[in-house]
Amino acid sequence: MPDKEKLVLQASGVTVVFGGLCAVSDFSCELYEGGLFGLIGPNGAGKTTLFNMVSGVYKPTSGQITFWDRNDSVRVINKMKPAALNKLGIARTFQNIRLFDNLTVSDNVRIALHAQRHINPADALFRTPRFHRDEKRMTEKVMHLLHLFKIENKSEELAKNLPYGEQRKLEIVRALASNPKLLLLDEPAAGMNGQETAELMQLIHFIRDKFKLTILLIEHDMKLVMGICERIFVLNYGRVIASGKPEEIQSNPLVVKAYLGSEAV
């Protein structure tokens, strides 16, 4: 459950305009440490645009996004780039899986550990004892993460050869390898069958509790959203039309009209 005494991210009046199109308008939210939050809305509502702003892909036209990093230092992140935000503790997955298809499973995860290396170029060039110690540490961390997600036996397979559900797992593993404080999951259940979605729900709870993360997810699968999220924000045409606990969202007439449909509540 979220610690309502400790903010992780705060968006205040965030707006982004592309040309004459307002994709997100006056968005505000507070994400607390340890919380599991959902962001829902119809296609084109601005959900992924909002993720892109939080992760540094897009810059807000106006408003402010504040992040409490791993050291609880307060950062205004409006103009920061994705790599810098990742170092501070924000990681994400994508709606369309973005793995390095022709690299092995383990190498996909190792790439995310680059910022955690404890060597210099000379160590790598001359293969010093420090290089070998660091390699061992990296390998142990990679295998530990793969073991937690039950895909360690696939470590030397090419990522493109994994079944779809395991590719989704690998993308989450790679995000976790960067040691995030805030994890953004963009439609993690997309393309999954019912059994895979049920397993994913358990996995997301496990991730939050094991790694003590704050999680914000976009998802169209209402069973997943209502089943695991503790607070939900609903976007429609770039604006928040409702926010609250799952049971409040389900009974909100604006949400029913805009997104869920009368048969869903």
C-alpha atoms as a PDB file:
ATOM      1  CA  MET A   1       0.000   0.000   0.000  1.00  0.00           C
ATOM      2  CA  PRO A   2       1.248   3.534  -0.677  1.00  0.00           C
ATOM      3  CA  ASP A   3       2.941   5.546   2.045  1.00  0.00           C
ATOM      4  CA  LYS A   4       0.876   8.734   1.913  1.00  0.00           C
ATOM      5  CA  GLU A   5       3.593  10.581   3.795  1.00  0.00           C
ATOM      6  CA  LYS A   6       6.141  10.190   0.979  1.00  0.00           C
ATOM      7  CA  LEU A   7       5.579  11.595  -2.470  1.00  0.00           C
ATOM      8  CA  VAL A   8       7.405  10.063  -5.409  1.00  0.00           C
ATOM      9  CA  LEU A   9       6.017  12.115  -8.278  1.00  0.00           C
ATOM     10  CA  GLN A  10       3.784  15.154  -8.499  1.00  0.00           C
ATOM     11  CA  ALA A  11       2.355  16.598 -11.706  1.00  0.00           C
ATOM     12  CA  SER A  12       0.876  20.085 -11.454  1.00  0.00           C
ATOM     13  CA  GLY A  13      -1.177  21.543 -14.298  1.00  0.00           C
ATOM     14  CA  VAL A  14       0.791  19.671 -16.963  1.00  0.00           C
ATOM     15  CA  THR A  15      -0.186  20.477 -20.542  1.00  0.00           C
ATOM     16  CA  VAL A  16       1.384  19.460 -23.849  1.00  0.00           C
ATOM     17  CA  VAL A  17       0.421  20.964 -27.195  1.00  0.00           C
ATOM     18  CA  PHE A  18       1.536  19.675 -30.593  1.00  0.00           C
ATOM     19  CA  GLY A  19       0.902  22.407 -33.132  1.00  0.00           C
ATOM     20  CA  GLY A  20      -2.731  23.299 -32.521  1.00  0.00           C
ATOM     21  CA  LEU A  21      -3.585  19.996 -30.847  1.00  0.00           C
ATOM     22  CA  CYS A  22      -3.732  19.812 -27.058  1.00  0.00           C
ATOM     23  CA  ALA A  23      -2.839  16.194 -26.262  1.00  0.00           C
ATOM     24  CA  VAL A  24      -2.855  16.562 -22.459  1.00  0.00           C
ATOM     25  CA  SER A  25      -4.536  19.469 -20.683  1.00  0.00           C
ATOM     26  CA  ASP A  26      -3.961  20.648 -17.097  1.00  0.00           C
ATOM     27  CA  PHE A  27      -3.097  17.188 -15.746  1.00  0.00           C
ATOM     28  CA  SER A  28      -2.338  16.955 -12.020  1.00  0.00           C
ATOM     29  CA  CYS A  29      -1.675  13.920  -9.840  1.00  0.00           C
ATOM     30  CA  GLU A  30       0.296  12.737  -6.839  1.00  0.00           C
ATOM     31  CA  LEU A  31       1.977   9.337  -6.717  1.00  0.00           C
ATOM     32  CA  TYR A  32       2.987   8.071  -3.292  1.00  0.00           C
ATOM     33  CA  GLU A  33       5.763   5.676  -2.409  1.00  0.00           C
ATOM     34  CA  GLY A  34       4.770   2.029  -2.701  1.00  0.00           C
ATOM     35  CA  GLY A  35       1.524   2.734  -4.535  1.00  0.00           C
ATOM     36  CA  LEU A  36       0.063   0.911  -7.512  1.00  0.00           C
ATOM     37  CA  PHE A  37      -1.677   3.418  -9.752  1.00  0.00           C
ATOM     38  CA  GLY A  38      -3.614   3.017 -12.984  1.00  0.00           C
ATOM     39  CA  LEU A  39      -4.112   5.378 -15.909  1.00  0.00           C
ATOM     40  CA  ILE A  40      -7.027   4.527 -18.184  1.00  0.00           C
ATOM     41  CA  GLY A  41      -9.045   6.120 -20.948  1.00  0.00           C
ATOM     42  CA  PRO A  42     -10.165   5.600 -24.555  1.00  0.00           C
ATOM     43  CA  ASN A  43      -7.673   5.378 -27.410  1.00  0.00           C
ATOM     44  CA  GLY A  44      -6.258   8.812 -28.088  1.00  0.00           C
ATOM     45  CA  ALA A  45      -7.036  10.097 -24.597  1.00  0.00           C
ATOM     46  CA  GLY A  46      -3.416  11.142 -23.997  1.00  0.00           C
ATOM     47  CA  LYS A  47      -2.192   8.277 -21.799  1.00  0.00           C
ATOM     48  CA  THR A  48       1.005   7.426 -23.665  1.00  0.00           C
ATOM     49  CA  THR A  49       1.702  11.127 -24.220  1.00  0.00           C
ATOM     50  CA  LEU A  50       1.630  11.535 -20.453  1.00  0.00           C
ATOM     51  CA  PHE A  51       4.032   8.601 -20.028  1.00  0.00           C
ATOM     52  CA  ASN A  52       6.314  10.177 -22.602  1.00  0.00           C
ATOM     53  CA  MET A  53       6.395  13.395 -20.592  1.00  0.00           C
ATOM     54  CA  VAL A  54       7.172  11.630 -17.305  1.00  0.00           C
ATOM     55  CA  SER A  55       9.945   9.603 -18.968  1.00  0.00           C
ATOM     56  CA  GLY A  56      11.485  12.593 -20.785  1.00  0.00           C
ATOM     57  CA  VAL A  57      10.497  11.794 -24.373  1.00  0.00           C
ATOM     58  CA  TYR A  58       8.250  14.875 -24.586  1.00  0.00           C
ATOM     59  CA  LYS A  59       8.606  18.183 -22.764  1.00  0.00           C
ATOM     60  CA  PRO A  60       5.504  19.765 -21.206  1.00  0.00           C
ATOM     61  CA  THR A  61       4.301  22.954 -22.857  1.00  0.00           C
ATOM     62  CA  SER A  62       3.325  24.210 -19.407  1.00  0.00           C
ATOM     63  CA  GLY A  63       2.989  22.934 -15.863  1.00  0.00           C
ATOM     64  CA  GLN A  64       5.530  21.151 -13.690  1.00  0.00           C
ATOM     65  CA  ILE A  65       6.546  17.554 -12.985  1.00  0.00           C
ATOM     66  CA  THR A  66       8.448  16.981  -9.739  1.00  0.00           C
ATOM     67  CA  PHE A  67      10.203  13.730  -8.838  1.00  0.00           C
ATOM     68  CA  TRP A  68      11.686  12.569  -5.534  1.00  0.00           C
ATOM     69  CA  ASP A  69      14.723  10.549  -6.622  1.00  0.00           C
ATOM     70  CA  ARG A  70      16.409   7.543  -4.977  1.00  0.00           C
ATOM     71  CA  ASN A  71      18.006   9.860  -2.426  1.00  0.00           C
ATOM     72  CA  ASP A  72      14.689  11.670  -1.816  1.00  0.00           C
ATOM     73  CA  SER A  73      16.122  14.768  -3.470  1.00  0.00           C
ATOM     74  CA  VAL A  74      13.410  16.883  -5.097  1.00  0.00           C
ATOM     75  CA  ARG A  75      13.862  17.343  -8.838  1.00  0.00           C
ATOM     76  CA  VAL A  76      11.848  19.312 -11.362  1.00  0.00           C
ATOM     77  CA  ILE A  77      12.149  17.005 -14.368  1.00  0.00           C
ATOM     78  CA  ASN A  78      10.293  18.913 -17.112  1.00  0.00           C
ATOM     79  CA  LYS A  79      13.374  19.405 -19.290  1.00  0.00           C
ATOM     80  CA  MET A  80      15.356  16.283 -18.422  1.00  0.00           C
ATOM     81  CA  LYS A  81      16.191  13.639 -21.017  1.00  0.00           C
ATOM     82  CA  PRO A  82      15.235   9.941 -20.738  1.00  0.00           C
ATOM     83  CA  ALA A  83      18.763   8.743 -19.863  1.00  0.00           C
ATOM     84  CA  ALA A  84      19.071  11.290 -17.057  1.00  0.00           C
ATOM     85  CA  LEU A  85      15.653  10.359 -15.674  1.00  0.00           C
ATOM     86  CA  ASN A  86      16.557   6.687 -15.768  1.00  0.00           C
ATOM     87  CA  LYS A  87      19.627   7.418 -13.655  1.00  0.00           C
ATOM     88  CA  LEU A  88      17.423   9.236 -11.140  1.00  0.00           C
ATOM     89  CA  GLY A  89      15.119   6.234 -10.848  1.00  0.00           C
ATOM     90  CA  ILE A  90      12.393   6.313 -13.527  1.00  0.00           C
ATOM     91  CA  ALA A  91      12.086   3.273 -15.809  1.00  0.00           C
ATOM     92  CA  ARG A  92       9.410   2.265 -18.292  1.00  0.00           C
ATOM     93  CA  THR A  93       8.200  -0.403 -20.661  1.00  0.00           C
ATOM     94  CA  PHE A  94       6.450   0.216 -23.965  1.00  0.00           C
ATOM     95  CA  GLN A  95       3.131  -0.739 -25.514  1.00  0.00           C
ATOM     96  CA  ASN A  96       5.037  -2.267 -28.424  1.00  0.00           C
ATOM     97  CA  ILE A  97       7.812  -4.462 -27.042  1.00  0.00           C
ATOM     98  CA  ARG A  98      11.239  -2.894 -27.618  1.00  0.00           C
ATOM     99  CA  LEU A  99      13.831  -5.586 -27.051  1.00  0.00           C
ATOM    100  CA  PHE A 100      17.138  -6.081 -28.840  1.00  0.00           C
ATOM    101  CA  ASP A 101      15.824  -9.023 -30.832  1.00  0.00           C
ATOM    102  CA  ASN A 102      19.190 -10.355 -31.989  1.00  0.00           C
ATOM    103  CA  LEU A 103      20.837 -10.201 -28.569  1.00  0.00           C
ATOM    104  CA  THR A 104      20.488 -12.895 -25.955  1.00  0.00           C
ATOM    105  CA  VAL A 105      18.089 -12.612 -23.056  1.00  0.00           C
ATOM    106  CA  SER A 106      20.952 -12.015 -20.633  1.00  0.00           C
ATOM    107  CA  ASP A 107      22.564  -9.368 -22.846  1.00  0.00           C
ATOM    108  CA  ASN A 108      19.258  -7.481 -23.054  1.00  0.00           C
ATOM    109  CA  VAL A 109      19.336  -7.187 -19.265  1.00  0.00           C
ATOM    110  CA  ARG A 110      23.071  -6.430 -19.056  1.00  0.00           C
ATOM    111  CA  ILE A 111      22.581  -3.368 -21.238  1.00  0.00           C
ATOM    112  CA  ALA A 112      20.346  -1.861 -18.567  1.00  0.00           C
ATOM    113  CA  LEU A 113      23.126  -2.314 -15.995  1.00  0.00           C
ATOM    114  CA  HIS A 114      25.597  -0.127 -17.872  1.00  0.00           C
ATOM    115  CA  ALA A 115      25.239   2.831 -15.496  1.00  0.00           C
ATOM    116  CA  GLN A 116      26.020   0.537 -12.549  1.00  0.00           C
ATOM    117  CA  ARG A 117      29.414  -0.611 -13.817  1.00  0.00           C
ATOM    118  CA  HIS A 118      32.369  -0.044 -11.456  1.00  0.00           C
ATOM    119  CA  ILE A 119      35.142  -0.050 -14.036  1.00  0.00           C
ATOM    120  CA  ASN A 120      36.956   2.411 -16.268  1.00  0.00           C
ATOM    121  CA  PRO A 121      38.048   2.020 -19.932  1.00  0.00           C
ATOM    122  CA  ALA A 122      41.488   0.767 -18.889  1.00  0.00           C
ATOM    123  CA  ASP A 123      39.920  -2.042 -16.837  1.00  0.00           C
ATOM    124  CA  ALA A 124      37.921  -3.144 -19.856  1.00  0.00           C
ATOM    125  CA  LEU A 125      40.879  -2.879 -22.230  1.00  0.00           C
ATOM    126  CA  PHE A 126      43.377  -4.799 -20.085  1.00  0.00           C
ATOM    127  CA  ARG A 127      40.868  -7.163 -18.435  1.00  0.00           C
ATOM    128  CA  THR A 128      42.038  -6.245 -14.939  1.00  0.00           C
ATOM    129  CA  PRO A 129      40.960  -8.119 -11.775  1.00  0.00           C
ATOM    130  CA  ARG A 130      38.494  -5.301 -11.134  1.00  0.00           C
ATOM    131  CA  PHE A 131      36.978  -5.915 -14.577  1.00  0.00           C
ATOM    132  CA  HIS A 132      36.509  -9.627 -13.839  1.00  0.00           C
ATOM    133  CA  ARG A 133      34.990  -8.903 -10.434  1.00  0.00           C
ATOM    134  CA  ASP A 134      32.572  -6.455 -12.003  1.00  0.00           C
ATOM    135  CA  GLU A 135      31.662  -8.921 -14.749  1.00  0.00           C
ATOM    136  CA  LYS A 136      30.902 -11.552 -12.132  1.00  0.00           C
ATOM    137  CA  ARG A 137      28.744  -9.104 -10.184  1.00  0.00           C
ATOM    138  CA  MET A 138      26.829  -8.125 -13.320  1.00  0.00           C
ATOM    139  CA  THR A 139      26.266 -11.747 -14.314  1.00  0.00           C
ATOM    140  CA  GLU A 140      25.003 -12.645 -10.843  1.00  0.00           C
ATOM    141  CA  LYS A 141      22.545  -9.741 -10.869  1.00  0.00           C
ATOM    142  CA  VAL A 142      21.272 -10.624 -14.344  1.00  0.00           C
ATOM    143  CA  MET A 143      20.717 -14.260 -13.416  1.00  0.00           C
ATOM    144  CA  HIS A 144      19.060 -13.299 -10.137  1.00  0.00           C
ATOM    145  CA  LEU A 145      16.519 -11.125 -11.953  1.00  0.00           C
ATOM    146  CA  LEU A 146      15.871 -13.760 -14.605  1.00  0.00           C
ATOM    147  CA  HIS A 147      15.403 -16.345 -11.853  1.00  0.00           C
ATOM    148  CA  LEU A 148      12.799 -14.179 -10.114  1.00  0.00           C
ATOM    149  CA  PHE A 149      10.827 -14.104 -13.363  1.00  0.00           C
ATOM    150  CA  LYS A 150      11.413 -17.808 -14.058  1.00  0.00           C
ATOM    151  CA  ILE A 151      13.212 -17.307 -17.374  1.00  0.00           C
ATOM    152  CA  GLU A 152      16.790 -17.971 -16.279  1.00  0.00           C
ATOM    153  CA  ASN A 153      16.828 -21.138 -18.395  1.00  0.00           C
ATOM    154  CA  LYS A 154      16.362 -18.919 -21.466  1.00  0.00           C
ATOM    155  CA  SER A 155      19.333 -16.669 -20.678  1.00  0.00           C
ATOM    156  CA  GLU A 156      21.315 -17.599 -23.810  1.00  0.00           C
ATOM    157  CA  GLU A 157      18.398 -17.627 -26.222  1.00  0.00           C
ATOM    158  CA  LEU A 158      17.871 -14.743 -28.601  1.00  0.00           C
ATOM    159  CA  ALA A 159      15.169 -12.397 -27.361  1.00  0.00           C
ATOM    160  CA  LYS A 160      13.220 -12.734 -30.618  1.00  0.00           C
ATOM    161  CA  ASN A 161      12.831 -16.479 -30.031  1.00  0.00           C
ATOM    162  CA  LEU A 162      10.994 -16.103 -26.725  1.00  0.00           C
ATOM    163  CA  PRO A 163       7.224 -16.645 -26.578  1.00  0.00           C
ATOM    164  CA  TYR A 164       5.284 -13.385 -26.461  1.00  0.00           C
ATOM    165  CA  GLY A 165       4.518 -13.570 -22.728  1.00  0.00           C
ATOM    166  CA  GLU A 166       8.177 -14.127 -21.891  1.00  0.00           C
ATOM    167  CA  GLN A 167       9.198 -11.191 -24.085  1.00  0.00           C
ATOM    168  CA  ARG A 168       6.883  -9.057 -21.957  1.00  0.00           C
ATOM    169  CA  LYS A 169       8.557 -10.421 -18.829  1.00  0.00           C
ATOM    170  CA  LEU A 170      12.011  -9.701 -20.254  1.00  0.00           C
ATOM    171  CA  GLU A 171      11.102  -6.087 -20.965  1.00  0.00           C
ATOM    172  CA  ILE A 172       9.996  -5.683 -17.341  1.00  0.00           C
ATOM    173  CA  VAL A 173      13.193  -7.393 -16.117  1.00  0.00           C
ATOM    174  CA  ARG A 174      15.272  -4.976 -18.176  1.00  0.00           C
ATOM    175  CA  ALA A 175      13.408  -2.006 -16.685  1.00  0.00           C
ATOM    176  CA  LEU A 176      13.946  -3.358 -13.161  1.00  0.00           C
ATOM    177  CA  ALA A 177      17.658  -3.868 -13.803  1.00  0.00           C
ATOM    178  CA  SER A 178      18.132  -0.091 -13.789  1.00  0.00           C
ATOM    179  CA  ASN A 179      17.026  -0.067 -10.126  1.00  0.00           C
ATOM    180  CA  PRO A 180      14.050   2.277 -10.539  1.00  0.00           C
ATOM    181  CA  LYS A 181      12.048   4.003  -7.845  1.00  0.00           C
ATOM    182  CA  LEU A 182       9.135   4.623 -10.226  1.00  0.00           C
ATOM    183  CA  LEU A 183       8.166   2.023 -12.836  1.00  0.00           C
ATOM    184  CA  LEU A 184       5.899   2.960 -15.755  1.00  0.00           C
ATOM    185  CA  LEU A 185       4.173   0.020 -17.464  1.00  0.00           C
ATOM    186  CA  ASP A 186       2.575   0.854 -20.819  1.00  0.00           C
ATOM    187  CA  GLU A 187      -0.147  -1.740 -21.548  1.00  0.00           C
ATOM    188  CA  PRO A 188       1.746  -4.701 -20.051  1.00  0.00           C
ATOM    189  CA  ALA A 189      -1.136  -7.106 -20.809  1.00  0.00           C
ATOM    190  CA  ALA A 190      -1.424  -6.159 -24.498  1.00  0.00           C
ATOM    191  CA  GLY A 191      -1.636  -9.307 -26.609  1.00  0.00           C
ATOM    192  CA  MET A 192      -1.841 -11.656 -23.642  1.00  0.00           C
ATOM    193  CA  ASN A 193      -4.439 -14.374 -23.171  1.00  0.00           C
ATOM    194  CA  GLY A 194      -6.505 -14.773 -20.006  1.00  0.00           C
ATOM    195  CA  GLN A 195      -4.049 -17.056 -18.229  1.00  0.00           C
ATOM    196  CA  GLU A 196      -1.074 -14.846 -19.067  1.00  0.00           C
ATOM    197  CA  THR A 197      -2.968 -11.784 -17.831  1.00  0.00           C
ATOM    198  CA  ALA A 198      -3.802 -13.497 -14.533  1.00  0.00           C
ATOM    199  CA  GLU A 199      -0.124 -14.390 -14.085  1.00  0.00           C
ATOM    200  CA  LEU A 200       0.821 -10.810 -14.937  1.00  0.00           C
ATOM    201  CA  MET A 201      -1.451  -9.477 -12.180  1.00  0.00           C
ATOM    202  CA  GLN A 202       0.379 -11.618  -9.643  1.00  0.00           C
ATOM    203  CA  LEU A 203       3.706 -10.578 -11.127  1.00  0.00           C
ATOM    204  CA  ILE A 204       2.977  -6.851 -10.841  1.00  0.00           C
ATOM    205  CA  HIS A 205       2.035  -7.251  -7.176  1.00  0.00           C
ATOM    206  CA  PHE A 206       5.219  -9.265  -6.640  1.00  0.00           C
ATOM    207  CA  ILE A 207       7.340  -6.593  -8.339  1.00  0.00           C
ATOM    208  CA  ARG A 208       5.866  -3.818  -6.223  1.00  0.00           C
ATOM    209  CA  ASP A 209       6.381  -5.693  -2.956  1.00  0.00           C
ATOM    210  CA  LYS A 210       9.759  -7.277  -3.769  1.00  0.00           C
ATOM    211  CA  PHE A 211      11.427  -4.157  -5.126  1.00  0.00           C
ATOM    212  CA  LYS A 212       9.459  -1.627  -3.020  1.00  0.00           C
ATOM    213  CA  LEU A 213       8.461   0.330  -6.094  1.00  0.00           C
ATOM    214  CA  THR A 214       5.828   2.831  -7.034  1.00  0.00           C
ATOM    215  CA  ILE A 215       4.072   1.633 -10.196  1.00  0.00           C
ATOM    216  CA  LEU A 216       1.962   3.579 -12.684  1.00  0.00           C
ATOM    217  CA  LEU A 217       0.414   1.518 -15.469  1.00  0.00           C
ATOM    218  CA  ILE A 218      -1.631   2.132 -18.588  1.00  0.00           C
ATOM    219  CA  GLU A 219      -3.990  -0.695 -19.410  1.00  0.00           C
ATOM    220  CA  HIS A 220      -7.166  -1.407 -21.365  1.00  0.00           C
ATOM    221  CA  ASP A 221      -7.872  -4.688 -19.588  1.00  0.00           C
ATOM    222  CA  MET A 222     -10.343  -3.535 -16.959  1.00  0.00           C
ATOM    223  CA  LYS A 223     -10.154  -6.784 -15.014  1.00  0.00           C
ATOM    224  CA  LEU A 224      -6.435  -6.224 -14.497  1.00  0.00           C
ATOM    225  CA  VAL A 225      -6.781  -2.523 -13.669  1.00  0.00           C
ATOM    226  CA  MET A 226      -9.642  -2.959 -11.226  1.00  0.00           C
ATOM    227  CA  GLY A 227      -8.017  -6.029  -9.726  1.00  0.00           C
ATOM    228  CA  ILE A 228      -4.631  -4.574  -8.767  1.00  0.00           C
ATOM    229  CA  CYS A 229      -4.669  -0.750  -8.838  1.00  0.00           C
ATOM    230  CA  GLU A 230      -5.244   1.131  -5.600  1.00  0.00           C
ATOM    231  CA  ARG A 231      -5.999   4.437  -7.295  1.00  0.00           C
ATOM    232  CA  ILE A 232      -6.975   5.141 -10.889  1.00  0.00           C
ATOM    233  CA  PHE A 233      -6.822   8.274 -13.041  1.00  0.00           C
ATOM    234  CA  VAL A 234      -9.159   8.465 -16.042  1.00  0.00           C
ATOM    235  CA  LEU A 235      -8.260  10.579 -19.082  1.00  0.00           C
ATOM    236  CA  ASN A 236     -10.594  11.595 -21.878  1.00  0.00           C
ATOM    237  CA  TYR A 237      -9.561  13.998 -24.648  1.00  0.00           C
ATOM    238  CA  GLY A 238      -6.444  14.832 -22.670  1.00  0.00           C
ATOM    239  CA  ARG A 239      -8.247  15.806 -19.480  1.00  0.00           C
ATOM    240  CA  VAL A 240      -8.749  14.011 -16.189  1.00  0.00           C
ATOM    241  CA  ILE A 241     -12.460  13.276 -15.850  1.00  0.00           C
ATOM    242  CA  ALA A 242     -12.205  11.149 -12.690  1.00  0.00           C
ATOM    243  CA  SER A 243      -9.751   9.800 -10.131  1.00  0.00           C
ATOM    244  CA  GLY A 244     -10.210   7.549  -7.142  1.00  0.00           C
ATOM    245  CA  LYS A 245     -10.386   3.993  -5.901  1.00  0.00           C
ATOM    246  CA  PRO A 246     -11.459   1.251  -8.334  1.00  0.00           C
ATOM    247  CA  GLU A 247     -14.964   1.014  -6.916  1.00  0.00           C
ATOM    248  CA  GLU A 248     -15.387   4.790  -7.268  1.00  0.00           C
ATOM    249  CA  ILE A 249     -14.240   4.698 -10.886  1.00  0.00           C
ATOM    250  CA  GLN A 250     -16.553   1.824 -11.758  1.00  0.00           C
ATOM    251  CA  SER A 251     -19.586   3.729 -10.531  1.00  0.00           C
ATOM    252  CA  ASN A 252     -18.632   7.126 -11.969  1.00  0.00           C
ATOM    253  CA  PRO A 253     -21.168   8.099 -14.670  1.00  0.00           C
ATOM    254  CA  LEU A 254     -18.616  10.167 -16.609  1.00  0.00           C
ATOM    255  CA  VAL A 255     -16.302   7.169 -16.834  1.00  0.00           C
ATOM    256  CA  VAL A 256     -19.127   4.865 -17.831  1.00  0.00           C
ATOM    257  CA  LYS A 257     -20.129   7.227 -20.594  1.00  0.00           C
ATOM    258  CA  ALA A 258     -16.612   7.976 -21.853  1.00  0.00           C
ATOM    259  CA  TYR A 259     -14.900   4.646 -21.579  1.00  0.00           C
ATOM    260  CA  LEU A 260     -16.245   1.628 -19.740  1.00  0.00           C
ATOM    261  CA  GLY A 261     -19.697   1.368 -21.318  1.00  0.00           C
ATOM    262  CA  SER A 262     -22.903   0.565 -19.479  1.00  0.00           C
ATOM    263  CA  GLU A 263     -22.295  -3.182 -19.487  1.00  0.00           C
ATOM    264  CA  ALA A 264     -18.965  -2.834 -17.687  1.00  0.00           C
ATOM    265  CA  VAL A 265     -20.357  -1.504 -14.415  1.00  0.00           C
END
